[in-house]
Protein backbone atom coordinates (compact mmCIF):
# COMPACT_ATOMS: atom_id res chain seq x y z
CA MET A 1 -56.96 75.98 19.43
CA VAL A 2 -54.77 74.92 16.37
CA ILE A 3 -56.14 75.72 13.04
CA CYS A 4 -55.15 73.25 10.34
CA PRO A 5 -54.03 75.06 7.19
CA CYS A 6 -55.52 72.41 5.08
CA SER A 7 -57.98 72.91 2.23
CA ARG A 8 -59.73 70.22 0.33
CA ARG A 9 -57.14 70.60 -2.41
CA ASP A 10 -54.32 70.18 0.16
CA LEU A 11 -56.09 67.18 1.57
CA ARG A 12 -56.32 65.38 -1.94
CA GLN A 13 -52.49 66.22 -2.45
CA ARG A 14 -51.46 64.95 0.81
CA ARG A 15 -53.42 61.68 0.28
CA MET A 16 -51.52 61.21 -3.05
CA LEU A 17 -48.21 61.99 -1.27
CA THR A 18 -49.13 59.17 1.17
CA LEU A 19 -49.51 56.72 -1.68
CA TRP A 20 -46.34 57.79 -3.38
CA SER A 21 -44.41 57.27 -0.15
CA VAL A 22 -45.55 53.76 0.12
CA SER A 23 -42.75 52.32 -1.97
CA SER A 24 -39.96 54.38 -0.36
CA TRP A 25 -37.47 53.50 2.31
CA MET A 26 -36.55 57.03 3.42
CA LEU A 27 -38.32 60.27 3.35
CA ASP A 28 -36.49 63.46 2.60
CA ASP A 29 -36.73 66.60 4.87
CA ASP A 30 -39.08 68.71 2.86
CA SER A 31 -41.61 65.55 2.73
CA MET A 32 -41.25 65.01 6.57
CA ARG A 33 -42.07 68.76 7.11
CA TYR A 34 -44.92 68.59 4.84
CA LEU A 35 -46.26 65.48 6.41
CA TYR A 36 -45.86 66.96 9.99
CA SER A 37 -48.25 69.95 9.10
CA PHE A 38 -50.51 67.31 7.47
CA ARG A 39 -50.71 65.28 10.71
CA GLN A 40 -52.07 68.46 12.47
CA CYS A 41 -55.06 68.12 10.39
CA ARG A 42 -57.95 65.98 11.65
CA LEU A 43 -57.91 63.31 9.11
CA ALA A 44 -59.90 60.14 9.22
CA SER A 45 -58.49 57.16 11.11
CA TRP A 46 -57.95 55.09 7.98
CA GLU A 47 -55.80 58.01 6.50
CA ARG A 48 -53.57 57.98 9.62
CA LYS A 49 -53.11 54.26 9.42
CA GLU A 50 -52.17 54.52 5.70
CA LEU A 51 -49.56 57.22 6.51
CA ALA A 52 -48.14 55.09 9.32
CA LEU A 53 -47.85 52.01 7.08
CA GLY A 54 -46.15 54.16 4.34
CA ALA A 55 -43.60 55.81 6.70
CA GLY A 56 -42.66 52.34 8.41
CA LEU A 57 -42.24 50.15 5.22
CA VAL A 58 -41.32 52.27 2.19
CA ARG A 59 -38.18 54.42 1.96
CA THR A 60 -37.54 55.92 -1.43
CA SER A 61 -37.21 59.50 -2.36
CA LEU A 62 -40.36 61.37 -3.64
CA PRO A 63 -40.36 62.50 -7.10
CA SER A 64 -39.67 66.20 -7.75
CA GLY A 65 -43.31 66.69 -9.12
CA ILE A 66 -46.59 66.23 -7.42
CA GLY A 67 -48.39 64.88 -10.29
CA MET A 68 -47.91 61.27 -11.69
CA LYS A 69 -49.52 59.29 -14.26
CA ALA A 70 -52.37 56.95 -13.35
CA ALA A 71 -50.31 53.71 -14.54
CA ASP A 72 -47.41 54.66 -12.17
CA SER A 73 -49.86 55.15 -9.35
CA VAL A 74 -51.42 51.61 -9.80
CA LEU A 75 -48.02 50.07 -9.99
CA ARG A 76 -46.92 51.54 -6.69
CA ARG A 77 -50.23 50.57 -5.02
CA CYS A 78 -49.70 46.94 -6.26
CA LEU A 79 -46.08 46.81 -5.12
CA SER A 80 -46.84 47.59 -1.38
CA PRO A 81 -48.99 44.34 -0.73
CA LEU A 82 -46.37 42.31 -2.66
CA LEU A 83 -43.57 43.34 -0.49
CA PHE A 84 -45.70 42.86 2.58
CA LEU A 85 -46.50 39.36 1.59
CA ALA A 86 -42.66 38.61 0.80
CA VAL A 87 -41.63 39.89 4.23
CA ILE A 88 -44.19 37.44 5.96
CA VAL A 89 -43.12 34.37 3.75
CA LEU A 90 -39.51 35.14 4.44
CA SER A 91 -40.10 35.41 8.22
CA PHE A 92 -41.98 32.06 8.45
CA ASN A 93 -39.18 30.41 6.27
CA LEU A 94 -36.62 31.73 8.61
CA ILE A 95 -38.41 30.45 11.80
CA TYR A 96 -39.00 26.89 10.18
CA ARG A 97 -35.38 26.55 9.31
CA ALA A 98 -34.24 27.71 12.83
CA ALA A 99 -36.64 25.02 14.37
CA THR A 100 -35.70 22.12 11.99
CA PRO A 101 -32.32 20.26 12.28
CA ALA A 102 -30.11 20.49 9.28
CA ILE A 103 -29.69 17.45 7.09
CA LEU A 104 -26.56 17.42 4.68
CA VAL A 105 -26.92 15.88 1.29
CA PRO A 106 -23.66 15.45 -0.66
CA PRO A 107 -23.44 16.19 -4.45
CA THR A 108 -23.81 13.38 -6.88
CA SER A 109 -20.09 13.00 -7.58
CA LEU A 110 -19.27 12.67 -3.86
CA ARG A 111 -21.94 9.89 -3.43
CA VAL A 112 -20.38 7.90 -6.28
CA ASP A 113 -17.07 8.06 -4.59
CA ILE A 114 -18.53 6.90 -1.33
CA ILE A 115 -20.34 3.93 -3.00
CA GLY A 116 -17.30 2.85 -4.54
CA ALA A 117 -15.06 3.18 -1.66
CA PRO A 118 -14.01 0.28 0.69
CA PRO A 119 -16.49 -0.72 3.35
CA PHE A 120 -16.70 1.57 6.35
CA VAL A 121 -15.06 0.48 9.43
CA PRO A 122 -16.09 2.32 12.70
CA LYS A 123 -13.41 4.14 14.49
CA LYS A 124 -13.84 1.86 17.43
CA GLN A 125 -12.92 -1.16 15.50
CA LEU A 126 -9.77 0.24 13.81
CA ALA A 127 -6.47 -0.71 15.17
CA PRO A 128 -4.09 2.10 16.24
CA SER A 129 -1.85 1.27 13.33
CA ASP A 130 -4.72 1.07 10.70
CA PRO A 131 -5.05 4.03 8.42
CA HIS A 132 -8.50 5.61 8.15
CA PRO A 133 -10.43 4.41 5.22
CA SER A 134 -10.65 7.95 3.81
CA SER A 135 -8.59 11.12 4.14
CA ASN A 136 -11.88 13.13 4.35
CA PRO A 137 -14.07 10.74 6.25
CA LEU A 138 -17.88 11.27 6.12
CA PRO A 139 -18.90 8.45 8.66
CA GLU A 140 -22.63 9.39 8.56
CA LEU A 141 -22.67 8.83 4.77
CA ARG A 142 -20.42 5.98 4.16
CA ASN A 143 -22.83 3.24 5.46
CA GLU A 144 -25.84 4.70 3.44
CA PRO A 145 -25.25 4.66 -0.32
CA ALA A 146 -27.53 6.63 -2.52
CA SER A 147 -30.79 4.95 -3.21
CA SER A 148 -30.76 6.02 -6.86
CA VAL A 149 -27.51 4.28 -7.39
CA PRO A 150 -27.19 0.55 -6.71
CA PRO A 151 -24.07 -0.66 -4.72
CA ALA A 152 -21.22 -1.42 -7.21
CA VAL A 153 -20.53 -5.24 -7.21
CA PRO A 154 -16.88 -5.99 -8.29
CA PRO A 155 -16.61 -8.62 -11.09
CA ASP A 156 -15.12 -12.00 -10.38
CA PRO A 157 -11.23 -11.67 -10.66
CA PRO A 158 -9.34 -13.66 -13.30
CA PRO A 159 -7.81 -17.03 -12.28
CA LEU A 160 -4.40 -15.31 -11.75
CA LEU A 161 -5.77 -13.01 -9.31
CA GLN A 162 -7.94 -15.57 -7.44
CA THR A 163 -4.67 -17.28 -6.27
CA ALA A 164 -2.73 -13.97 -5.58
CA SER A 165 -3.42 -14.48 -1.67
CA GLU A 166 -1.88 -18.01 -1.71
CA SER A 167 1.77 -18.54 -0.78
CA GLN A 168 4.03 -20.19 -3.29
CA GLU A 169 4.19 -23.36 -1.17
CA MET A 170 0.22 -23.49 -0.99
CA ARG A 171 0.00 -22.94 -4.81
CA LEU A 172 2.48 -25.80 -5.42
CA GLU A 173 0.49 -28.22 -3.13
CA ARG A 174 -2.76 -27.37 -4.86
CA VAL A 175 -1.20 -27.88 -8.49
CA LEU A 176 0.50 -31.10 -7.47
CA ARG A 177 -2.74 -32.61 -5.97
CA GLU A 178 -4.66 -31.72 -9.11
CA ALA A 179 -2.14 -33.31 -11.40
CA ALA A 180 -0.94 -36.30 -9.46
CA THR A 181 -1.79 -40.02 -10.34
CA ALA A 182 -3.40 -42.31 -7.89
CA ASP A 183 -0.05 -43.09 -6.36
CA ASN A 184 0.93 -39.39 -6.04
CA THR A 185 3.19 -39.21 -8.98
CA VAL A 186 3.50 -36.25 -11.24
CA ILE A 187 5.34 -35.52 -14.48
CA ILE A 188 7.34 -32.02 -14.23
CA THR A 189 9.05 -29.95 -16.72
CA SER A 190 10.38 -26.42 -16.55
CA LEU A 191 10.94 -23.57 -18.99
CA ASN A 192 11.35 -19.80 -19.27
CA ALA A 193 10.16 -17.21 -21.70
CA PHE A 194 12.83 -17.89 -24.07
CA TRP A 195 11.78 -21.65 -24.43
CA SER A 196 7.99 -20.99 -24.30
CA THR A 197 7.44 -18.61 -27.33
CA PRO A 198 4.79 -19.84 -29.88
CA GLY A 199 6.32 -22.32 -32.35
CA SER A 200 9.30 -23.02 -29.96
CA VAL A 201 10.23 -26.08 -28.07
CA LEU A 202 7.12 -26.03 -25.76
CA ASP A 203 4.92 -26.62 -28.69
CA VAL A 204 6.93 -29.59 -30.06
CA PHE A 205 7.14 -31.08 -26.51
CA LEU A 206 3.45 -31.11 -26.15
CA GLU A 207 2.77 -32.26 -29.67
CA SER A 208 5.03 -35.28 -28.87
CA PHE A 209 2.60 -36.34 -26.00
CA ARG A 210 -0.35 -36.22 -28.30
CA THR A 211 1.22 -38.19 -31.04
CA GLY A 212 2.98 -40.87 -28.85
CA LYS A 213 1.69 -44.31 -27.98
CA GLY A 214 -0.23 -44.12 -24.68
CA THR A 215 1.29 -40.70 -23.82
CA ARG A 216 -1.71 -38.51 -24.46
CA GLU A 217 -3.42 -39.06 -21.24
CA LEU A 218 -0.15 -38.36 -19.38
CA LEU A 219 -0.79 -34.75 -20.16
CA ASN A 220 -3.32 -34.87 -17.37
CA HIS A 221 -0.36 -35.40 -14.93
CA LEU A 222 2.04 -32.84 -16.42
CA VAL A 223 3.03 -29.86 -14.37
CA ILE A 224 4.66 -27.13 -16.40
CA VAL A 225 6.85 -25.02 -14.00
CA ALA A 226 7.32 -21.57 -15.33
CA VAL A 227 10.23 -19.52 -14.07
CA ASP A 228 9.08 -16.19 -15.12
CA GLY A 229 5.89 -14.22 -15.96
CA LYS A 230 5.99 -14.63 -19.64
CA ALA A 231 6.42 -18.44 -19.57
CA TYR A 232 3.51 -18.54 -17.07
CA GLU A 233 1.16 -16.76 -19.29
CA ARG A 234 2.15 -18.94 -22.06
CA CYS A 235 1.61 -22.10 -20.06
CA VAL A 236 -1.82 -21.06 -18.83
CA ALA A 237 -2.73 -20.57 -22.55
CA VAL A 238 -1.80 -24.04 -23.72
CA HIS A 239 -1.98 -26.22 -20.71
CA ARG A 240 -3.95 -27.03 -17.58
CA HIS A 241 -1.52 -27.54 -14.81
CA CYS A 242 1.07 -24.63 -14.44
CA PHE A 243 3.02 -23.38 -11.52
CA ASP A 244 4.86 -20.02 -11.36
CA PHE A 245 8.08 -20.64 -9.67
CA THR A 246 10.11 -17.50 -8.79
CA VAL A 247 13.37 -17.08 -7.01
CA GLU A 248 13.93 -13.78 -5.22
CA GLY A 249 16.45 -11.61 -6.89
CA VAL A 250 17.02 -13.97 -9.81
CA ASP A 251 15.76 -13.42 -13.46
CA PHE A 252 15.42 -16.59 -15.51
CA SER A 253 13.53 -15.12 -18.47
CA GLY A 254 16.15 -14.77 -21.10
CA GLU A 255 18.39 -17.28 -22.86
CA LYS A 256 20.94 -18.78 -20.40
CA VAL A 257 24.22 -19.66 -21.97
CA PHE A 258 25.36 -23.18 -21.27
CA ASN A 259 27.53 -23.43 -18.04
CA SER A 260 27.08 -19.56 -17.61
CA PRO A 261 26.66 -18.39 -13.93
CA GLU A 262 22.96 -17.71 -14.71
CA TYR A 263 22.65 -21.08 -16.21
CA LEU A 264 24.02 -22.86 -13.28
CA ASP A 265 21.77 -20.89 -10.83
CA MET A 266 18.80 -21.91 -12.84
CA MET A 267 19.92 -25.67 -12.80
CA TRP A 268 20.64 -25.72 -9.07
CA ALA A 269 17.24 -23.85 -8.23
CA ARG A 270 15.57 -26.56 -10.31
CA LEU A 271 17.26 -29.32 -8.21
CA ASP A 272 16.08 -27.71 -5.00
CA PHE A 273 12.56 -27.30 -6.30
CA LEU A 274 12.62 -31.02 -7.03
CA ARG A 275 13.75 -31.77 -3.55
CA LEU A 276 10.71 -29.82 -2.15
CA VAL A 277 8.35 -31.93 -4.43
CA LEU A 278 9.65 -35.10 -2.77
CA GLU A 279 9.20 -33.59 0.63
CA LYS A 280 5.58 -32.98 0.05
CA GLY A 281 5.08 -36.72 -0.63
CA PHE A 282 4.87 -36.65 -4.40
CA SER A 283 7.11 -38.90 -6.71
CA PHE A 284 8.04 -37.37 -9.85
CA VAL A 285 9.32 -37.85 -13.40
CA PHE A 286 11.42 -34.77 -14.45
CA SER A 287 11.80 -34.12 -18.13
CA ASP A 288 13.54 -31.43 -19.97
CA VAL A 289 11.28 -29.64 -22.39
CA ASP A 290 13.53 -30.77 -25.24
CA VAL A 291 12.73 -34.35 -24.54
CA MET A 292 10.19 -36.16 -27.03
CA TRP A 293 7.83 -38.60 -25.35
CA PHE A 294 6.91 -41.50 -27.69
CA ARG A 295 5.72 -44.10 -25.31
CA ASN A 296 4.61 -44.34 -21.72
CA PRO A 297 7.81 -44.79 -19.84
CA PHE A 298 6.14 -45.87 -16.45
CA PRO A 299 6.13 -49.64 -17.29
CA TYR A 300 9.84 -49.52 -17.85
CA PHE A 301 11.18 -48.12 -14.69
CA TYR A 302 12.96 -50.41 -12.27
CA PRO A 303 10.80 -51.43 -9.38
CA ASP A 304 13.66 -51.28 -6.91
CA GLY A 305 15.08 -47.88 -7.95
CA ASP A 306 14.77 -44.86 -5.71
CA PHE A 307 16.33 -42.54 -8.29
CA GLN A 308 16.57 -43.40 -11.85
CA ILE A 309 18.21 -41.29 -14.47
CA SER A 310 18.79 -41.31 -18.26
CA CYS A 311 22.26 -41.44 -19.77
CA ASP A 312 24.40 -39.82 -22.25
CA ASN A 313 26.45 -42.98 -22.32
CA PHE A 314 25.07 -46.14 -21.11
CA LEU A 315 27.42 -49.21 -20.42
CA GLY A 316 24.85 -51.80 -20.23
CA ASP A 317 24.42 -52.32 -16.47
CA PRO A 318 21.76 -50.08 -14.71
CA THR A 319 23.50 -50.40 -11.35
CA ASN A 320 27.03 -49.42 -12.78
CA LEU A 321 27.99 -46.22 -11.22
CA LYS A 322 30.50 -45.40 -14.13
CA ASN A 323 27.44 -44.81 -16.42
CA TRP A 324 27.52 -41.26 -17.53
CA PRO A 325 24.13 -39.69 -16.46
CA ASN A 326 22.15 -36.98 -17.91
CA ASN A 327 19.77 -35.10 -15.56
CA GLY A 328 17.34 -34.07 -18.28
CA PHE A 329 15.15 -36.99 -17.71
CA ASN A 330 14.99 -38.85 -14.22
CA TYR A 331 12.42 -40.51 -12.03
CA ALA A 332 12.40 -40.19 -8.21
CA ARG A 333 10.34 -41.88 -5.67
CA SER A 334 9.37 -39.98 -2.54
CA ASN A 335 10.73 -41.63 0.44
CA ASN A 336 13.40 -40.73 3.12
CA ARG A 337 16.29 -42.08 1.05
CA SER A 338 15.63 -40.07 -2.13
CA ILE A 339 14.89 -36.93 0.01
CA GLU A 340 18.19 -37.25 1.96
CA PHE A 341 19.96 -37.83 -1.24
CA PHE A 342 18.54 -34.75 -2.96
CA LYS A 343 19.53 -32.67 0.15
CA TYR A 344 23.09 -34.03 0.09
CA TRP A 345 23.26 -33.47 -3.73
CA TYR A 346 22.22 -29.81 -3.36
CA SER A 347 24.45 -29.05 -0.45
CA SER A 348 27.44 -30.28 -2.45
CA ARG A 349 27.25 -27.12 -4.50
CA THR A 350 29.36 -25.36 -1.76
CA ARG A 351 32.01 -28.03 -2.45
CA PHE A 352 32.16 -27.43 -6.10
CA PRO A 353 31.36 -23.68 -6.77
CA GLY A 354 30.70 -22.89 -10.45
CA VAL A 355 30.12 -26.47 -11.43
CA HIS A 356 27.08 -27.98 -13.28
CA GLU A 357 24.79 -30.00 -10.92
CA GLN A 358 25.15 -32.92 -13.27
CA ASN A 359 28.92 -33.13 -13.01
CA VAL A 360 28.48 -32.82 -9.18
CA LEU A 361 26.30 -35.89 -9.40
CA ASN A 362 29.02 -37.66 -11.25
CA ILE A 363 31.18 -37.13 -8.14
CA ILE A 364 28.86 -37.73 -5.22
CA LYS A 365 27.54 -40.96 -6.72
CA PHE A 366 30.80 -42.49 -5.50
CA ASP A 367 30.69 -40.78 -2.16
CA GLN A 368 30.58 -42.80 0.92
CA HIS A 369 27.71 -40.53 2.34
CA THR A 370 25.63 -41.51 -0.64
CA GLN A 371 26.14 -45.23 0.28
CA ASP A 372 25.35 -44.43 3.85
CA ILE A 373 21.99 -42.83 2.81
CA GLY A 374 21.23 -46.16 1.13
CA VAL A 375 19.59 -44.52 -1.90
CA LYS A 376 19.25 -46.95 -4.82
CA ILE A 377 20.41 -45.28 -8.05
CA ARG A 378 19.48 -46.91 -11.40
CA PHE A 379 20.68 -45.85 -14.82
CA LEU A 380 18.01 -46.05 -17.65
CA SER A 381 19.06 -47.63 -20.92
CA THR A 382 19.55 -45.60 -24.08
CA GLU A 383 17.67 -48.30 -25.90
CA ARG A 384 14.46 -46.95 -24.35
CA PHE A 385 15.57 -43.53 -23.17
CA GLY A 386 17.73 -42.32 -25.83
CA GLY A 387 19.20 -38.98 -27.16
CA PHE A 388 21.31 -37.41 -29.74
CA CYS A 389 24.44 -38.32 -27.74
CA GLU A 390 23.30 -42.15 -27.94
CA PRO A 391 20.16 -42.51 -29.93
CA SER A 392 17.82 -45.39 -29.46
CA ARG A 393 18.13 -47.63 -32.52
CA ASN A 394 14.73 -49.45 -31.98
CA PHE A 395 11.44 -47.57 -32.78
CA ASN A 396 9.49 -50.43 -31.31
CA LYS A 397 11.10 -49.88 -27.96
CA VAL A 398 11.97 -46.08 -27.57
CA CYS A 399 10.09 -44.19 -24.94
CA THR A 400 11.90 -40.87 -25.01
CA MET A 401 14.52 -39.10 -27.11
CA HIS A 402 16.47 -36.21 -25.78
CA ALA A 403 18.01 -33.42 -27.81
CA ASN A 404 21.24 -33.53 -25.73
CA CYS A 405 24.77 -33.02 -27.06
CA CYS A 406 23.34 -29.90 -28.74
CA ILE A 407 23.65 -26.44 -27.69
CA GLY A 408 21.53 -23.67 -29.26
CA LEU A 409 17.76 -23.14 -29.49
CA HIS A 410 17.38 -23.00 -33.25
CA ARG A 411 19.49 -26.23 -33.71
CA LYS A 412 17.33 -27.95 -31.14
CA ILE A 413 14.00 -26.88 -32.64
CA ASN A 414 14.98 -28.04 -36.07
CA ASP A 415 16.26 -31.41 -34.98
CA LEU A 416 13.24 -31.91 -32.71
CA ARG A 417 10.83 -31.30 -35.50
CA ALA A 418 12.76 -33.58 -37.79
CA MET A 419 12.65 -36.23 -34.95
CA LEU A 420 8.88 -35.92 -34.56
CA ASP A 421 8.33 -36.18 -38.22
CA ASP A 422 10.26 -39.38 -38.17
CA TRP A 423 8.03 -40.76 -35.44
CA LYS A 424 4.91 -39.81 -37.37
CA LYS A 425 6.17 -41.55 -40.36
CA PHE A 426 6.95 -44.69 -38.42
CA ARG A 427 3.48 -44.66 -36.70
CA SER A 428 1.86 -44.25 -40.29
CA LEU A 429 3.25 -47.69 -41.53
CA PRO A 430 1.28 -50.78 -41.35
CA PRO A 431 1.54 -52.70 -38.16
CA ASN A 432 3.43 -55.65 -39.69
CA VAL A 433 5.92 -53.32 -41.41
CA ARG A 434 6.55 -51.46 -38.22
CA ILE A 435 7.59 -54.62 -36.50
CA SER A 436 9.88 -55.81 -39.11
CA SER A 437 11.27 -52.53 -40.48
CA ASN A 438 14.78 -51.14 -39.72
CA PHE A 439 13.48 -47.53 -39.48
CA SER A 440 16.12 -45.21 -38.42
CA TRP A 441 16.21 -41.64 -37.36
CA SER A 442 17.18 -38.59 -39.65
CA VAL A 443 18.46 -36.94 -36.82
CA PRO A 444 20.83 -35.27 -35.63
CA GLN A 445 21.08 -32.73 -38.52
CA SER A 446 21.73 -29.34 -37.23
CA CYS A 447 23.41 -30.80 -34.13
CA ARG A 448 25.59 -33.17 -36.12
CA TYR A 449 28.64 -30.83 -36.02
CA LEU A 450 28.53 -30.68 -32.17
CA LEU A 451 28.65 -34.50 -32.03
CA ILE A 452 31.75 -34.58 -33.99
CA VAL A 453 33.63 -32.11 -31.91
CA MET A 454 32.19 -33.19 -28.57
CA PRO A 455 32.12 -36.99 -27.71
CA PRO A 456 28.79 -38.16 -26.39
CA PHE A 457 29.88 -38.77 -22.82
CA MET A 458 31.43 -35.32 -22.80
CA SER A 459 28.16 -33.50 -23.74
CA HIS A 460 28.57 -31.55 -20.46
CA THR A 461 32.02 -30.29 -20.37
CA ILE A 462 33.93 -30.84 -17.14
CA PRO A 463 36.73 -28.15 -16.52
CA PRO A 464 40.27 -29.30 -16.42
CA GLY A 465 41.44 -30.66 -13.12
CA PHE A 466 37.77 -31.12 -12.02
CA PHE A 467 38.24 -34.23 -10.05
CA SER A 468 41.50 -33.21 -8.28
CA LYS A 469 41.42 -29.41 -7.72
CA LYS A 470 37.78 -28.25 -8.23
CA GLU A 471 36.48 -29.34 -4.73
CA LYS A 472 36.47 -26.57 -2.36
CA LYS A 473 38.02 -27.59 1.01
CA PRO A 474 36.38 -26.53 4.23
């Protein structure tokens, strides 16, 4: 029979030891030996359960002293059930997470990127050469934007971007249709950034339409062909029908010195552009931007002419090929004869390299091939279609006036404004005075020196030996 060396005092101390050991994770050796002797005693069943719970859950070292304050004892008693509840809650949480499938939710910044990204294309719809819409794709998220953030709707693009997908030829057809008259005729002018700045030639050109007789409505049929970006932006700001004409590898934006290689390139490109307009079925009146429009010219074109052109020097007969033409104002009807003539004219550039297209016209108008084409060329009288080279003397008949025989933008602007002032003064006269008056132009002024140095019919200088030596033989 084992005798338990436990007195009532020892029993109370051992019970207190059990309560202290509740919050410990490990018992030291002395405590284990003391508890072993205590277990030999016949304790009540609840004391043994309390000891087992303390030894299994709590593992802190015992204090060196046996006695403790009552407050410390109460704290340790409350800590045990709290820890027990925490273990139970954590266990149930782990079991719930293990049984529930995980759902990934991206952070807010990532969801915004996904919403703003291009529409998701499933992998099975992508071509082998198509890049994936994202370098870090999240296919399960791209089709489901966040409910708290509405999908971003892009604003309507500006007019310039709306036509960005059109080809240049498609844009040309659209602009021509919008500007054409009932018989498919348009008025065309061209300019670059140098001629389109505010207060420059373009403003005077448009003002002449507004102050002319029966010309304001013609602005509805005017197409401005801009050969660079700045000229196009300026055109869109002041006019309705604009077309951006670009030639790959050629810059037409700056001032082009007369007869320089860049100037010649621009003139020949313009000629080829007009050929394209004819091929699309549109007749046209081409006007340089330094031509002032004072009357509607359409009633004064010859009804039997396929190609009609103004003159620096008019000899009185519209069919005389010796008239000296100026290509700054011309009228062409769209038919097979005019189209073939423009093709032949443009192809003749290779025969006369480095020569102005207007001077080439003065050669090919005598060619047998031109006669074989059958095109009917008519030369417009300077009485109605005048210029600085040979001005119209009759204000009651003049339709257009060209600032030809004048080189230099500032000289042109000064004389064009003076010419427009002369027209306004004439229009301000009473009707009976206008008919009987001998009103005359005050121009040329700034361009007068050039007219003295250069005869009117030599406004476009022909190189020496042009007729005999300039043609390039095949």
